[in-house]
């Protein structure tokens, strides 16, 4: 899945992701165009998961 597809999927599932990981806030799930990796870094800090693991989880959702 390319980055654009991953970003689109993220927009569909971010609410579920916030419920699954209680420390994740609305601000953590927002990203500006071209800043998806930066958002993944914030999620990595909050969840303790590697960026690749987060990408895989988003792809599987």
Protein backbone atom coordinates (compact mmCIF):
# COMPACT_ATOMS: atom_id res chain seq x y z
CA UNK A 1 0.00 0.00 0.00
CA UNK A 2 1.49 3.37 -0.96
CA UNK A 3 1.56 6.41 1.29
CA UNK A 4 -1.48 8.08 -0.31
CA UNK A 5 -3.59 4.95 0.14
CA UNK A 6 -2.40 4.59 3.72
CA UNK A 7 -3.32 8.22 4.47
CA UNK A 8 -6.79 7.70 2.99
CA UNK A 9 -7.35 4.59 5.03
CA UNK A 10 -6.18 6.43 8.14
CA UNK A 11 -8.93 9.01 7.69
CA UNK A 12 -11.45 6.17 7.84
CA UNK A 13 -10.12 4.42 10.95
CA UNK A 14 -8.55 7.06 13.19
CA UNK A 15 -11.55 7.10 15.55
CA UNK A 16 -11.26 3.36 16.13
CA UNK A 17 -7.52 3.75 16.63
CA UNK A 18 -8.07 6.42 19.31
CA UNK A 19 -10.45 4.07 21.13
CA UNK A 20 -7.95 1.21 20.98
CA UNK A 21 -5.07 3.35 22.26
CA UNK A 22 -6.51 5.59 24.97
CA UNK A 23 -3.49 7.91 25.12
CA UNK A 24 -3.93 8.94 21.49
CA UNK A 25 -5.68 12.33 21.12
CA UNK A 26 -7.30 14.20 18.23
CA UNK A 27 -4.15 16.28 17.87
CA UNK A 28 -2.06 13.12 17.56
CA UNK A 29 -4.18 11.83 14.70
CA UNK A 30 -4.05 14.99 12.58
CA UNK A 31 -1.52 15.53 9.85
CA UNK A 32 -0.88 18.10 7.15
CA UNK A 33 -0.24 17.05 3.59
CA UNK A 34 3.14 15.35 3.38
CA UNK A 35 3.37 15.00 7.16
CA UNK A 36 1.94 11.49 7.58
CA UNK A 37 5.29 10.13 8.81
CA UNK A 38 5.46 12.91 11.40
CA UNK A 39 2.02 11.88 12.67
CA UNK A 40 3.17 8.26 12.79
CA UNK A 41 6.08 9.42 14.97
CA UNK A 42 3.64 10.97 17.45
CA UNK A 43 1.58 7.78 17.47
CA UNK A 44 4.76 5.77 17.99
CA UNK A 45 5.55 7.79 21.11
CA UNK A 46 2.02 7.33 22.51
CA UNK A 47 1.62 3.63 21.73
CA UNK A 48 5.21 2.37 22.06
CA UNK A 49 4.91 0.62 18.68
CA UNK A 50 7.34 0.86 15.77
CA UNK A 51 6.28 2.95 12.76
CA UNK A 52 6.25 -0.12 10.52
CA UNK A 53 4.01 -1.93 13.02
CA UNK A 54 1.63 1.03 13.02
CA UNK A 55 1.59 1.13 9.22
CA UNK A 56 0.86 -2.60 9.12
CA UNK A 57 -1.94 -2.21 11.64
CA UNK A 58 -3.51 0.57 9.59
CA UNK A 59 -3.25 -1.53 6.41
CA UNK A 60 -4.95 -4.49 8.08
CA UNK A 61 -7.84 -2.44 9.49
